[in-house]
Amino acid sequence: MEIPWFAWIAIVAIVCGVTVEIVKLALRSREKRAELSGGSELRGILEQSNASNQRVAEKLDGLETRLAAMEKTLTDIP
């Protein structure tokens, strides 16, 4: 099974978009950690980070589902 060239464009765009969002989240998390210096504040940051990680994981699951649907569509085309 060979993936057409235009499908690679979509796949690369999705991967790049997810990577950019992860880097943005990491930079925001780093900035927040630098601003705060307390145990309870750190706990709050960790909870926010966990929530962000869960949202990213949900987005990745959604992207994976969409990508699987695209692959199925492309393989069904004669």
PDB file of N, CA and C in Angstrom:
ATOM      1  N   MET A   1       0.846  -1.177   0.000  1.00  0.00           N
ATOM      2  CA  MET A   1       0.000   0.000   0.000  1.00  0.00           C
ATOM      3  C   MET A   1       0.892   1.241   0.000  1.00  0.00           C
ATOM      4  N   GLU A   2       0.708   2.046  -0.976  1.00  0.00           N
ATOM      5  CA  GLU A   2       1.493   3.276  -1.087  1.00  0.00           C
ATOM      6  C   GLU A   2       0.589   4.468  -0.811  1.00  0.00           C
ATOM      7  N   ILE A   3       1.088   5.386  -0.005  1.00  0.00           N
ATOM      8  CA  ILE A   3       0.308   6.580   0.331  1.00  0.00           C
ATOM      9  C   ILE A   3       0.603   7.653  -0.709  1.00  0.00           C
ATOM     10  N   PRO A   4      -0.451   8.260  -1.278  1.00  0.00           N
ATOM     11  CA  PRO A   4      -0.249   9.297  -2.299  1.00  0.00           C
ATOM     12  C   PRO A   4       0.449  10.528  -1.714  1.00  0.00           C
ATOM     13  N   TRP A   5       1.032  11.308  -2.608  1.00  0.00           N
ATOM     14  CA  TRP A   5       1.814  12.462  -2.162  1.00  0.00           C
ATOM     15  C   TRP A   5       0.964  13.484  -1.424  1.00  0.00           C
ATOM     16  N   PHE A   6      -0.287  13.677  -1.821  1.00  0.00           N
ATOM     17  CA  PHE A   6      -1.114  14.689  -1.167  1.00  0.00           C
ATOM     18  C   PHE A   6      -1.520  14.254   0.239  1.00  0.00           C
ATOM     19  N   ALA A   7      -1.556  12.969   0.496  1.00  0.00           N
ATOM     20  CA  ALA A   7      -1.849  12.490   1.848  1.00  0.00           C
ATOM     21  C   ALA A   7      -0.676  12.779   2.773  1.00  0.00           C
ATOM     22  N   TRP A   8       0.529  12.706   2.249  1.00  0.00           N
ATOM     23  CA  TRP A   8       1.708  13.022   3.060  1.00  0.00           C
ATOM     24  C   TRP A   8       1.684  14.469   3.519  1.00  0.00           C
ATOM     25  N   ILE A   9       1.177  15.358   2.679  1.00  0.00           N
ATOM     26  CA  ILE A   9       1.085  16.769   3.065  1.00  0.00           C
ATOM     27  C   ILE A   9       0.179  16.909   4.282  1.00  0.00           C
ATOM     28  N   ALA A  10      -0.961  16.242   4.267  1.00  0.00           N
ATOM     29  CA  ALA A  10      -1.895  16.307   5.394  1.00  0.00           C
ATOM     30  C   ALA A  10      -1.278  15.690   6.649  1.00  0.00           C
ATOM     31  N   ILE A  11      -0.611  14.571   6.491  1.00  0.00           N
ATOM     32  CA  ILE A  11       0.009  13.896   7.633  1.00  0.00           C
ATOM     33  C   ILE A  11       1.079  14.779   8.254  1.00  0.00           C
ATOM     34  N   VAL A  12       1.931  15.365   7.441  1.00  0.00           N
ATOM     35  CA  VAL A  12       2.999  16.240   7.945  1.00  0.00           C
ATOM     36  C   VAL A  12       2.407  17.479   8.613  1.00  0.00           C
ATOM     37  N   ALA A  13       1.344  18.035   8.050  1.00  0.00           N
ATOM     38  CA  ALA A  13       0.700  19.209   8.636  1.00  0.00           C
ATOM     39  C   ALA A  13       0.135  18.882  10.012  1.00  0.00           C
ATOM     40  N   ILE A  14      -0.487  17.733  10.143  1.00  0.00           N
ATOM     41  CA  ILE A  14      -1.039  17.320  11.435  1.00  0.00           C
ATOM     42  C   ILE A  14       0.073  17.145  12.459  1.00  0.00           C
ATOM     43  N   VAL A  15       1.123  16.460  12.091  1.00  0.00           N
ATOM     44  CA  VAL A  15       2.239  16.227  13.008  1.00  0.00           C
ATOM     45  C   VAL A  15       2.883  17.551  13.422  1.00  0.00           C
ATOM     46  N   CYS A  16       3.072  18.449  12.474  1.00  0.00           N
ATOM     47  CA  CYS A  16       3.666  19.755  12.798  1.00  0.00           C
ATOM     48  C   CYS A  16       2.753  20.561  13.720  1.00  0.00           C
ATOM     49  N   GLY A  17       1.464  20.545  13.464  1.00  0.00           N
ATOM     50  CA  GLY A  17       0.524  21.274  14.313  1.00  0.00           C
ATOM     51  C   GLY A  17       0.534  20.763  15.737  1.00  0.00           C
ATOM     52  N   VAL A  18       0.541  19.450  15.893  1.00  0.00           N
ATOM     53  CA  VAL A  18       0.581  18.860  17.229  1.00  0.00           C
ATOM     54  C   VAL A  18       1.894  19.211  17.917  1.00  0.00           C
ATOM     55  N   THR A  19       2.992  19.150  17.193  1.00  0.00           N
ATOM     56  CA  THR A  19       4.298  19.477  17.769  1.00  0.00           C
ATOM     57  C   THR A  19       4.344  20.921  18.238  1.00  0.00           C
ATOM     58  N   VAL A  20       3.820  21.841  17.449  1.00  0.00           N
ATOM     59  CA  VAL A  20       3.801  23.253  17.833  1.00  0.00           C
ATOM     60  C   VAL A  20       2.988  23.450  19.102  1.00  0.00           C
ATOM     61  N   GLU A  21       1.838  22.803  19.205  1.00  0.00           N
ATOM     62  CA  GLU A  21       0.998  22.939  20.397  1.00  0.00           C
ATOM     63  C   GLU A  21       1.698  22.381  21.634  1.00  0.00           C
ATOM     64  N   ILE A  22       2.380  21.267  21.498  1.00  0.00           N
ATOM     65  CA  ILE A  22       3.102  20.678  22.628  1.00  0.00           C
ATOM     66  C   ILE A  22       4.223  21.602  23.085  1.00  0.00           C
ATOM     67  N   VAL A  23       4.945  22.185  22.139  1.00  0.00           N
ATOM     68  CA  VAL A  23       6.029  23.114  22.491  1.00  0.00           C
ATOM     69  C   VAL A  23       5.462  24.349  23.188  1.00  0.00           C
ATOM     70  N   LYS A  24       4.333  24.865  22.699  1.00  0.00           N
ATOM     71  CA  LYS A  24       3.711  26.021  23.349  1.00  0.00           C
ATOM     72  C   LYS A  24       3.322  25.698  24.780  1.00  0.00           C
ATOM     73  N   LEU A  25       2.721  24.533  24.996  1.00  0.00           N
ATOM     74  CA  LEU A  25       2.338  24.125  26.343  1.00  0.00           C
ATOM     75  C   LEU A  25       3.565  23.986  27.244  1.00  0.00           C
ATOM     76  N   ALA A  26       4.636  23.423  26.712  1.00  0.00           N
ATOM     77  CA  ALA A  26       5.848  23.253  27.497  1.00  0.00           C
ATOM     78  C   ALA A  26       6.449  24.604  27.879  1.00  0.00           C
ATOM     79  N   LEU A  27       6.455  25.544  26.955  1.00  0.00           N
ATOM     80  CA  LEU A  27       7.012  26.865  27.253  1.00  0.00           C
ATOM     81  C   LEU A  27       6.166  27.603  28.287  1.00  0.00           C
ATOM     82  N   ARG A  28       4.836  27.506  28.170  1.00  0.00           N
ATOM     83  CA  ARG A  28       3.969  28.139  29.166  1.00  0.00           C
ATOM     84  C   ARG A  28       4.184  27.525  30.538  1.00  0.00           C
ATOM     85  N   SER A  29       4.329  26.209  30.573  1.00  0.00           N
ATOM     86  CA  SER A  29       4.549  25.523  31.840  1.00  0.00           C
ATOM     87  C   SER A  29       5.869  25.953  32.458  1.00  0.00           C
ATOM     88  N   ARG A  30       6.906  26.089  31.634  1.00  0.00           N
ATOM     89  CA  ARG A  30       8.216  26.509  32.129  1.00  0.00           C
ATOM     90  C   ARG A  30       8.152  27.927  32.691  1.00  0.00           C
ATOM     91  N   GLU A  31       7.451  28.816  32.007  1.00  0.00           N
ATOM     92  CA  GLU A  31       7.320  30.192  32.476  1.00  0.00           C
ATOM     93  C   GLU A  31       6.591  30.252  33.810  1.00  0.00           C
ATOM     94  N   LYS A  32       5.540  29.469  33.946  1.00  0.00           N
ATOM     95  CA  LYS A  32       4.792  29.454  35.203  1.00  0.00           C
ATOM     96  C   LYS A  32       5.634  28.919  36.344  1.00  0.00           C
ATOM     97  N   ARG A  33       6.408  27.885  36.053  1.00  0.00           N
ATOM     98  CA  ARG A  33       7.274  27.337  37.104  1.00  0.00           C
ATOM     99  C   ARG A  33       8.319  28.344  37.543  1.00  0.00           C
ATOM    100  N   ALA A  34       8.836  29.138  36.617  1.00  0.00           N
ATOM    101  CA  ALA A  34       9.851  30.135  36.957  1.00  0.00           C
ATOM    102  C   ALA A  34       9.260  31.249  37.819  1.00  0.00           C
ATOM    103  N   GLU A  35       7.980  31.573  37.596  1.00  0.00           N
ATOM    104  CA  GLU A  35       7.338  32.647  38.352  1.00  0.00           C
ATOM    105  C   GLU A  35       7.016  32.239  39.782  1.00  0.00           C
ATOM    106  N   LEU A  36       6.713  30.984  39.994  1.00  0.00           N
ATOM    107  CA  LEU A  36       6.256  30.533  41.301  1.00  0.00           C
ATOM    108  C   LEU A  36       7.360  29.839  42.081  1.00  0.00           C
ATOM    109  N   SER A  37       7.262  29.952  43.403  1.00  0.00           N
ATOM    110  CA  SER A  37       8.266  29.269  44.218  1.00  0.00           C
ATOM    111  C   SER A  37       7.643  28.817  45.534  1.00  0.00           C
ATOM    112  N   GLY A  38       6.595  28.053  45.499  1.00  0.00           N
ATOM    113  CA  GLY A  38       5.952  27.564  46.715  1.00  0.00           C
ATOM    114  C   GLY A  38       5.390  26.183  46.501  1.00  0.00           C
ATOM    115  N   GLY A  39       5.226  25.420  47.607  1.00  0.00           N
ATOM    116  CA  GLY A  39       4.731  24.053  47.518  1.00  0.00           C
ATOM    117  C   GLY A  39       3.308  23.985  47.007  1.00  0.00           C
ATOM    118  N   SER A  40       2.416  24.794  47.588  1.00  0.00           N
ATOM    119  CA  SER A  40       1.017  24.743  47.156  1.00  0.00           C
ATOM    120  C   SER A  40       0.869  25.304  45.746  1.00  0.00           C
ATOM    121  N   GLU A  41       1.651  26.309  45.425  1.00  0.00           N
ATOM    122  CA  GLU A  41       1.610  26.868  44.075  1.00  0.00           C
ATOM    123  C   GLU A  41       2.111  25.848  43.064  1.00  0.00           C
ATOM    124  N   LEU A  42       3.137  25.126  43.440  1.00  0.00           N
ATOM    125  CA  LEU A  42       3.681  24.092  42.550  1.00  0.00           C
ATOM    126  C   LEU A  42       2.644  22.992  42.319  1.00  0.00           C
ATOM    127  N   ARG A  43       1.912  22.649  43.359  1.00  0.00           N
ATOM    128  CA  ARG A  43       0.876  21.636  43.220  1.00  0.00           C
ATOM    129  C   ARG A  43      -0.184  22.099  42.221  1.00  0.00           C
ATOM    130  N   GLY A  44      -0.556  23.374  42.287  1.00  0.00           N
ATOM    131  CA  GLY A  44      -1.519  23.929  41.336  1.00  0.00           C
ATOM    132  C   GLY A  44      -1.002  23.876  39.910  1.00  0.00           C
ATOM    133  N   ILE A  45       0.264  24.204  39.744  1.00  0.00           N
ATOM    134  CA  ILE A  45       0.876  24.152  38.408  1.00  0.00           C
ATOM    135  C   ILE A  45       0.885  22.720  37.886  1.00  0.00           C
ATOM    136  N   LEU A  46       1.196  21.779  38.753  1.00  0.00           N
ATOM    137  CA  LEU A  46       1.214  20.378  38.327  1.00  0.00           C
ATOM    138  C   LEU A  46      -0.176  19.915  37.935  1.00  0.00           C
ATOM    139  N   GLU A  47      -1.194  20.354  38.642  1.00  0.00           N
ATOM    140  CA  GLU A  47      -2.560  19.989  38.275  1.00  0.00           C
ATOM    141  C   GLU A  47      -2.940  20.596  36.930  1.00  0.00           C
ATOM    142  N   GLN A  48      -2.543  21.845  36.707  1.00  0.00           N
ATOM    143  CA  GLN A  48      -2.807  22.482  35.421  1.00  0.00           C
ATOM    144  C   GLN A  48      -2.055  21.765  34.299  1.00  0.00           C
ATOM    145  N   SER A  49      -0.826  21.384  34.581  1.00  0.00           N
ATOM    146  CA  SER A  49      -0.028  20.671  33.588  1.00  0.00           C
ATOM    147  C   SER A  49      -0.668  19.325  33.254  1.00  0.00           C
ATOM    148  N   ASN A  50      -1.165  18.658  34.284  1.00  0.00           N
ATOM    149  CA  ASN A  50      -1.834  17.378  34.062  1.00  0.00           C
ATOM    150  C   ASN A  50      -3.078  17.565  33.203  1.00  0.00           C
ATOM    151  N   ALA A  51      -3.845  18.610  33.490  1.00  0.00           N
ATOM    152  CA  ALA A  51      -5.043  18.889  32.689  1.00  0.00           C
ATOM    153  C   ALA A  51      -4.658  19.192  31.239  1.00  0.00           C
ATOM    154  N   SER A  52      -3.582  19.968  31.060  1.00  0.00           N
ATOM    155  CA  SER A  52      -3.113  20.282  29.705  1.00  0.00           C
ATOM    156  C   SER A  52      -2.676  19.017  28.981  1.00  0.00           C
ATOM    157  N   ASN A  53      -1.965  18.166  29.683  1.00  0.00           N
ATOM    158  CA  ASN A  53      -1.515  16.911  29.078  1.00  0.00           C
ATOM    159  C   ASN A  53      -2.698  16.041  28.670  1.00  0.00           C
ATOM    160  N   GLN A  54      -3.733  16.031  29.489  1.00  0.00           N
ATOM    161  CA  GLN A  54      -4.919  15.249  29.142  1.00  0.00           C
ATOM    162  C   GLN A  54      -5.595  15.809  27.896  1.00  0.00           C
ATOM    163  N   ARG A  55      -5.670  17.155  27.794  1.00  0.00           N
ATOM    164  CA  ARG A  55      -6.270  17.760  26.602  1.00  0.00           C
ATOM    165  C   ARG A  55      -5.454  17.430  25.358  1.00  0.00           C
ATOM    166  N   VAL A  56      -4.133  17.477  25.481  1.00  0.00           N
ATOM    167  CA  VAL A  56      -3.275  17.140  24.340  1.00  0.00           C
ATOM    168  C   VAL A  56      -3.473  15.676  23.952  1.00  0.00           C
ATOM    169  N   ALA A  57      -3.566  14.801  24.943  1.00  0.00           N
ATOM    170  CA  ALA A  57      -3.777  13.384  24.657  1.00  0.00           C
ATOM    171  C   ALA A  57      -5.116  13.170  23.954  1.00  0.00           C
ATOM    172  N   GLU A  58      -6.153  13.898  24.389  1.00  0.00           N
ATOM    173  CA  GLU A  58      -7.458  13.778  23.738  1.00  0.00           C
ATOM    174  C   GLU A  58      -7.390  14.274  22.298  1.00  0.00           C
ATOM    175  N   LYS A  59      -6.667  15.384  22.079  1.00  0.00           N
ATOM    176  CA  LYS A  59      -6.517  15.899  20.717  1.00  0.00           C
ATOM    177  C   LYS A  59      -5.770  14.892  19.842  1.00  0.00           C
ATOM    178  N   LEU A  60      -4.734  14.283  20.393  1.00  0.00           N
ATOM    179  CA  LEU A  60      -3.974  13.287  19.634  1.00  0.00           C
ATOM    180  C   LEU A  60      -4.852  12.089  19.292  1.00  0.00           C
ATOM    181  N   ASP A  61      -5.694  11.665  20.231  1.00  0.00           N
ATOM    182  CA  ASP A  61      -6.611  10.560  19.948  1.00  0.00           C
ATOM    183  C   ASP A  61      -7.569  10.938  18.823  1.00  0.00           C
ATOM    184  N   GLY A  62      -8.074  12.162  18.872  1.00  0.00           N
ATOM    185  CA  GLY A  62      -8.963  12.632  17.817  1.00  0.00           C
ATOM    186  C   GLY A  62      -8.268  12.677  16.469  1.00  0.00           C
ATOM    187  N   LEU A  63      -7.027  13.163  16.472  1.00  0.00           N
ATOM    188  CA  LEU A  63      -6.259  13.216  15.226  1.00  0.00           C
ATOM    189  C   LEU A  63      -5.981  11.814  14.694  1.00  0.00           C
ATOM    190  N   GLU A  64      -5.707  10.909  15.601  1.00  0.00           N
ATOM    191  CA  GLU A  64      -5.447   9.532  15.183  1.00  0.00           C
ATOM    192  C   GLU A  64      -6.694   8.925  14.538  1.00  0.00           C
ATOM    193  N   THR A  65      -7.851   9.204  15.126  1.00  0.00           N
ATOM    194  CA  THR A  65      -9.110   8.706  14.567  1.00  0.00           C
ATOM    195  C   THR A  65      -9.348   9.294  13.188  1.00  0.00           C
ATOM    196  N   ARG A  66      -9.135  10.613  13.058  1.00  0.00           N
ATOM    197  CA  ARG A  66      -9.332  11.263  11.770  1.00  0.00           C
ATOM    198  C   ARG A  66      -8.350  10.727  10.732  1.00  0.00           C
ATOM    199  N   LEU A  67      -7.105  10.517  11.138  1.00  0.00           N
ATOM    200  CA  LEU A  67      -6.106   9.994  10.219  1.00  0.00           C
ATOM    201  C   LEU A  67      -6.469   8.582   9.771  1.00  0.00           C
ATOM    202  N   ALA A  68      -6.971   7.770  10.683  1.00  0.00           N
ATOM    203  CA  ALA A  68      -7.391   6.420  10.318  1.00  0.00           C
ATOM    204  C   ALA A  68      -8.538   6.470   9.317  1.00  0.00           C
ATOM    205  N   ALA A  69      -9.456   7.418   9.511  1.00  0.00           N
ATOM    206  CA  ALA A  69     -10.569   7.569   8.572  1.00  0.00           C
ATOM    207  C   ALA A  69     -10.054   8.008   7.201  1.00  0.00           C
ATOM    208  N   MET A  70      -9.078   8.921   7.187  1.00  0.00           N
ATOM    209  CA  MET A  70      -8.495   9.366   5.915  1.00  0.00           C
ATOM    210  C   MET A  70      -7.808   8.209   5.210  1.00  0.00           C
ATOM    211  N   GLU A  71      -7.043   7.426   5.964  1.00  0.00           N
ATOM    212  CA  GLU A  71      -6.348   6.287   5.365  1.00  0.00           C
ATOM    213  C   GLU A  71      -7.347   5.289   4.787  1.00  0.00           C
ATOM    214  N   LYS A  72      -8.434   5.040   5.523  1.00  0.00           N
ATOM    215  CA  LYS A  72      -9.449   4.110   5.049  1.00  0.00           C
ATOM    216  C   LYS A  72     -10.072   4.638   3.753  1.00  0.00           C
ATOM    217  N   THR A  73     -10.369   5.927   3.726  1.00  0.00           N
ATOM    218  CA  THR A  73     -10.948   6.517   2.531  1.00  0.00           C
ATOM    219  C   THR A  73      -9.998   6.396   1.353  1.00  0.00           C
ATOM    220  N   LEU A  74      -8.730   6.683   1.604  1.00  0.00           N
ATOM    221  CA  LEU A  74      -7.749   6.631   0.517  1.00  0.00           C
ATOM    222  C   LEU A  74      -7.531   5.208   0.014  1.00  0.00           C
ATOM    223  N   THR A  75      -7.603   4.244   0.909  1.00  0.00           N
ATOM    224  CA  THR A  75      -7.411   2.856   0.470  1.00  0.00           C
ATOM    225  C   THR A  75      -8.654   2.321  -0.221  1.00  0.00           C
ATOM    226  N   ASP A  76      -9.826   2.872   0.086  1.00  0.00           N
ATOM    227  CA  ASP A  76     -11.068   2.427  -0.553  1.00  0.00           C
ATOM    228  C   ASP A  76     -11.216   2.974  -1.969  1.00  0.00           C
ATOM    229  N   ILE A  77     -10.501   4.035  -2.287  1.00  0.00           N
ATOM    230  CA  ILE A  77     -10.595   4.616  -3.622  1.00  0.00           C
ATOM    231  C   ILE A  77      -9.879   3.696  -4.611  1.00  0.00           C
ATOM    232  N   PRO A  78     -10.557   3.283  -5.671  1.00  0.00           N
ATOM    233  CA  PRO A  78      -9.925   2.343  -6.625  1.00  0.00           C
ATOM    234  C   PRO A  78      -8.849   3.022  -7.455  1.00  0.00           C
TER     235      PRO A  78
END
